[in-house]
Protein backbone atom coordinates (compact mmCIF):
# COMPACT_ATOMS: atom_id res chain seq x y z
CA UNK A 1 -0.56 -18.22 -29.19
CA UNK A 2 -1.58 -14.66 -28.47
CA UNK A 3 -2.46 -13.83 -24.89
CA UNK A 4 -6.04 -12.78 -24.25
CA UNK A 5 -6.26 -9.33 -22.66
CA UNK A 6 -9.10 -8.51 -20.31
CA UNK A 7 -10.84 -5.20 -20.87
CA UNK A 8 -10.85 -3.22 -17.62
CA UNK A 9 -13.18 -0.24 -17.29
CA UNK A 10 -11.06 2.83 -16.47
CA UNK A 11 -11.47 4.49 -13.11
CA UNK A 12 -13.30 7.79 -13.31
CA UNK A 13 -12.34 10.99 -11.54
CA UNK A 14 -14.53 13.28 -9.51
CA UNK A 15 -14.87 17.03 -9.77
CA UNK A 16 -12.36 17.59 -6.97
CA UNK A 17 -9.66 16.10 -9.18
CA UNK A 18 -8.96 12.96 -7.17
CA UNK A 19 -9.79 9.41 -8.32
CA UNK A 20 -13.38 8.32 -7.71
CA UNK A 21 -12.71 4.92 -6.17
CA UNK A 22 -14.89 2.09 -7.38
CA UNK A 23 -15.36 -1.22 -5.62
CA UNK A 24 -11.87 -2.69 -5.88
CA UNK A 25 -13.28 -6.08 -4.82
CA UNK A 26 -14.56 -6.50 -8.42
CA UNK A 27 -10.97 -6.83 -9.57
CA UNK A 28 -9.31 -9.34 -10.00
CA UNK A 29 -11.53 -10.78 -12.71
CA UNK A 30 -11.94 -14.53 -12.98
CA UNK A 31 -12.04 -16.54 -16.19
CA UNK A 32 -13.14 -20.15 -16.77
CA UNK A 33 -9.63 -21.11 -17.90
CA UNK A 34 -7.78 -19.55 -14.96
CA UNK A 35 -5.05 -21.82 -13.52
CA UNK A 36 -6.40 -23.88 -10.60
CA UNK A 37 -4.88 -23.54 -7.12
CA UNK A 38 -2.01 -25.68 -5.95
CA UNK A 39 -2.61 -28.54 -3.53
CA UNK A 40 -0.78 -28.29 -0.21
CA UNK A 41 0.51 -31.72 0.83
CA UNK A 42 2.25 -30.60 4.02
CA UNK A 43 3.26 -27.48 5.89
CA UNK A 44 5.20 -26.41 8.96
CA UNK A 45 6.60 -23.20 10.42
CA UNK A 46 10.32 -22.54 10.50
CA UNK A 47 10.26 -19.21 12.32
CA UNK A 48 7.69 -17.22 14.29
CA UNK A 49 8.31 -13.62 15.36
CA UNK A 50 5.01 -11.79 14.66
CA UNK A 51 4.32 -9.17 13.48
CA UNK A 52 7.75 -8.83 11.88
CA UNK A 53 8.23 -12.27 10.36
CA UNK A 54 6.52 -15.65 10.31
CA UNK A 55 8.08 -18.09 7.83
CA UNK A 56 5.87 -20.89 6.55
CA UNK A 57 7.30 -23.92 4.71
CA UNK A 58 4.99 -25.83 2.35
CA UNK A 59 5.06 -28.84 0.05
CA UNK A 60 2.85 -28.27 -3.01
CA UNK A 61 1.50 -30.44 -5.79
CA UNK A 62 0.81 -28.50 -8.99
CA UNK A 63 -2.22 -29.16 -11.23
CA UNK A 64 0.21 -30.81 -13.69
CA UNK A 65 1.15 -33.39 -11.04
CA UNK A 66 4.64 -31.96 -10.51
CA UNK A 67 5.62 -31.21 -6.92
CA UNK A 68 7.49 -28.40 -5.21
CA UNK A 69 8.70 -29.92 -1.94
CA UNK A 70 10.19 -26.71 -0.56
CA UNK A 71 8.24 -23.47 -0.86
CA UNK A 72 8.50 -20.62 1.64
CA UNK A 73 5.88 -17.97 2.34
CA UNK A 74 6.35 -15.01 4.68
CA UNK A 75 3.29 -14.20 6.79
CA UNK A 76 2.63 -10.62 7.87
CA UNK A 77 -0.38 -8.80 9.32
CA UNK A 78 -2.24 -6.35 7.07
CA UNK A 79 -0.43 -3.07 6.39
CA UNK A 80 -1.90 0.40 5.81
CA UNK A 81 -0.66 3.56 4.10
CA UNK A 82 -2.09 7.07 3.86
CA UNK A 83 -1.86 9.54 0.98
CA UNK A 84 -2.70 12.60 3.08
CA UNK A 85 -3.46 15.96 1.42
CA UNK A 86 -3.91 19.25 3.28
CA UNK A 87 -6.38 22.01 2.30
CA UNK A 88 -3.34 23.86 0.88
CA UNK A 89 -2.82 20.97 -1.59
CA UNK A 90 0.25 19.65 0.21
CA UNK A 91 1.17 16.01 0.71
CA UNK A 92 2.05 14.99 4.27
CA UNK A 93 5.22 12.90 3.90
CA UNK A 94 7.80 11.51 6.29
CA UNK A 95 11.49 10.77 6.08
CA UNK A 96 13.17 8.04 8.11
CA UNK A 97 16.26 5.85 8.00
CA UNK A 98 15.72 2.36 6.56
CA UNK A 99 18.45 -0.14 7.51
CA UNK A 100 17.69 -2.51 4.62
CA UNK A 101 19.06 0.01 2.11
CA UNK A 102 20.92 2.05 4.71
CA UNK A 103 19.34 5.23 3.33
CA UNK A 104 16.75 7.92 4.07
CA UNK A 105 13.93 8.60 1.59
CA UNK A 106 10.49 10.17 1.43
CA UNK A 107 7.58 7.92 2.40
CA UNK A 108 3.88 8.24 3.00
CA UNK A 109 2.69 7.55 6.56
CA UNK A 110 2.24 3.82 7.08
CA UNK A 111 2.01 1.06 9.64
CA UNK A 112 0.63 -2.28 10.78
CA UNK A 113 -3.00 -3.13 11.51
CA UNK A 114 -3.20 -4.36 15.08
CA UNK A 115 -5.24 -7.42 16.06
CA UNK A 116 -9.00 -6.75 16.00
CA UNK A 117 -8.33 -3.28 14.53
CA UNK A 118 -10.16 -1.92 11.49
CA UNK A 119 -7.89 -0.95 8.58
CA UNK A 120 -9.15 2.63 8.38
CA UNK A 121 -8.85 3.05 12.14
CA UNK A 122 -5.26 1.82 11.93
CA UNK A 123 -4.49 4.24 9.08
CA UNK A 124 -5.97 7.17 10.99
CA UNK A 125 -3.97 6.18 14.07
CA UNK A 126 -0.71 5.90 12.11
CA UNK A 127 -1.20 9.28 10.41
CA UNK A 128 -1.85 10.98 13.75
CA UNK A 129 1.02 9.21 15.56
CA UNK A 130 3.62 9.74 12.84
CA UNK A 131 2.75 13.26 11.63
CA UNK A 132 0.32 14.96 14.02
CA UNK A 133 -2.21 15.37 11.16
CA UNK A 134 -5.76 14.04 11.15
CA UNK A 135 -9.35 14.66 10.17
CA UNK A 136 -10.43 15.15 6.59
CA UNK A 137 -12.37 12.93 4.21
CA UNK A 138 -11.17 9.35 3.82
CA UNK A 139 -11.64 6.60 1.25
CA UNK A 140 -9.75 3.58 -0.05
CA UNK A 141 -7.23 4.41 -2.78
CA UNK A 142 -5.69 0.99 -3.45
CA UNK A 143 -5.21 -2.54 -2.19
CA UNK A 144 -1.87 -4.05 -3.19
CA UNK A 145 0.40 -7.00 -2.46
CA UNK A 146 4.14 -6.51 -2.10
CA UNK A 147 4.71 -9.98 -3.57
CA UNK A 148 1.73 -12.35 -3.98
CA UNK A 149 4.07 -15.27 -4.67
CA UNK A 150 5.90 -15.05 -1.35
CA UNK A 151 3.78 -12.94 1.05
CA UNK A 152 0.26 -13.45 2.35
CA UNK A 153 -0.77 -9.91 3.35
CA UNK A 154 -2.44 -6.98 1.61
CA UNK A 155 -1.55 -3.30 1.98
CA UNK A 156 -4.54 -0.95 1.93
CA UNK A 157 -3.80 2.68 1.10
CA UNK A 158 -6.29 5.36 2.06
CA UNK A 159 -6.66 8.78 0.48
CA UNK A 160 -7.25 11.39 3.19
CA UNK A 161 -8.14 14.82 1.81
CA UNK A 162 -8.38 17.99 3.87
CA UNK A 163 -6.22 16.75 6.76
CA UNK A 164 -5.10 19.34 9.29
CA UNK A 165 -2.49 19.64 12.04
CA UNK A 166 -3.95 18.31 15.29
CA UNK A 167 -0.97 18.28 17.63
CA UNK A 168 2.50 16.94 18.19
CA UNK A 169 3.24 13.51 16.68
CA UNK A 170 3.58 10.58 19.08
CA UNK A 171 5.76 8.06 17.21
CA UNK A 172 6.79 4.73 18.67
CA UNK A 173 10.00 4.48 20.67
CA UNK A 174 11.87 2.96 17.70
CA UNK A 175 10.67 5.56 15.17
CA UNK A 176 12.75 8.62 14.29
CA UNK A 177 10.66 10.55 11.75
CA UNK A 178 10.84 13.93 10.05
CA UNK A 179 7.56 15.34 8.69
CA UNK A 180 7.64 17.22 5.36
CA UNK A 181 4.86 19.01 3.48
CA UNK A 182 5.36 18.75 -0.28
CA UNK A 183 3.16 20.50 -2.84
CA UNK A 184 1.19 18.02 -4.93
CA UNK A 185 2.54 19.71 -8.05
CA UNK A 186 6.11 18.96 -6.94
CA UNK A 187 5.54 15.29 -6.05
CA UNK A 188 6.52 13.77 -9.41
CA UNK A 189 9.95 15.31 -8.99
CA UNK A 190 10.53 13.04 -5.99
CA UNK A 191 10.38 10.02 -8.29
CA UNK A 192 12.48 11.67 -11.00
CA UNK A 193 15.23 12.30 -8.44
CA UNK A 194 14.97 8.86 -6.82
CA UNK A 195 13.79 10.33 -3.51
CA UNK A 196 10.89 7.88 -3.04
CA UNK A 197 11.77 4.21 -3.59
CA UNK A 198 9.32 2.24 -1.41
CA UNK A 199 7.18 0.49 -4.04
CA UNK A 200 4.08 0.11 -1.85
CA UNK A 201 4.19 3.87 -1.23
CA UNK A 202 5.08 4.92 -4.75
CA UNK A 203 2.28 2.96 -6.46
CA UNK A 204 -0.73 4.51 -4.65
CA UNK A 205 0.80 7.98 -4.67
CA UNK A 206 1.40 7.76 -8.42
CA UNK A 207 -2.16 6.52 -8.87
CA UNK A 208 -3.43 9.59 -7.02
CA UNK A 209 -1.23 11.91 -9.09
CA UNK A 210 -2.42 10.22 -12.30
CA UNK A 211 -6.01 10.91 -11.32
CA UNK A 212 -5.19 14.55 -10.69
CA UNK A 213 -3.39 14.85 -14.02
CA UNK A 214 -6.24 13.18 -15.93
CA UNK A 215 -8.75 15.55 -14.37
CA UNK A 216 -6.64 18.60 -15.26
CA UNK A 217 -6.27 17.47 -18.87
CA UNK A 218 -10.03 16.93 -19.14
CA UNK A 219 -10.85 20.52 -18.27
């Protein structure tokens, strides 16, 4: 049987060359024959250390009647990222050591949304704290899940254009960051050389670069 492919209207670009963001709440689409949700028969928590890790254990019954007695979901608060672009067409990036891989790579500024904090307010705070940059024009660039099968949170990435230096960064006590300005035209080279590996950072940045490239080709 051939899979049915949904037709998605492409995202347009504005005259400034960056993606014109449509209402991302319209996607995902829903179809009458979508798989129904699983039924939770029982759940408990094996570990609680918010915001870094909350591990939920669940017993599910599938629509077919089969059961999965042991299923684990990691709970996290919402995360935010910022693709920040200066008036000189430079990306504001950071470099920091990540113990999971034991390596240092380029990243976009990012952080956790605090309780009762708006996502955009959190993103603005993180950009200012980590890099010293702020201001500019902001809009949502993407909403992504690191792993919808095993995590419950969404990462919202904002595009901030026209950001400017506002003062010394004020990172948290456990953060050791280096701020780098990289020309937008040089950003693809970071991926070619394996210098940006964080998937939740790479995806929205590549989306932004794709919008810029599409606009240039349309001129």
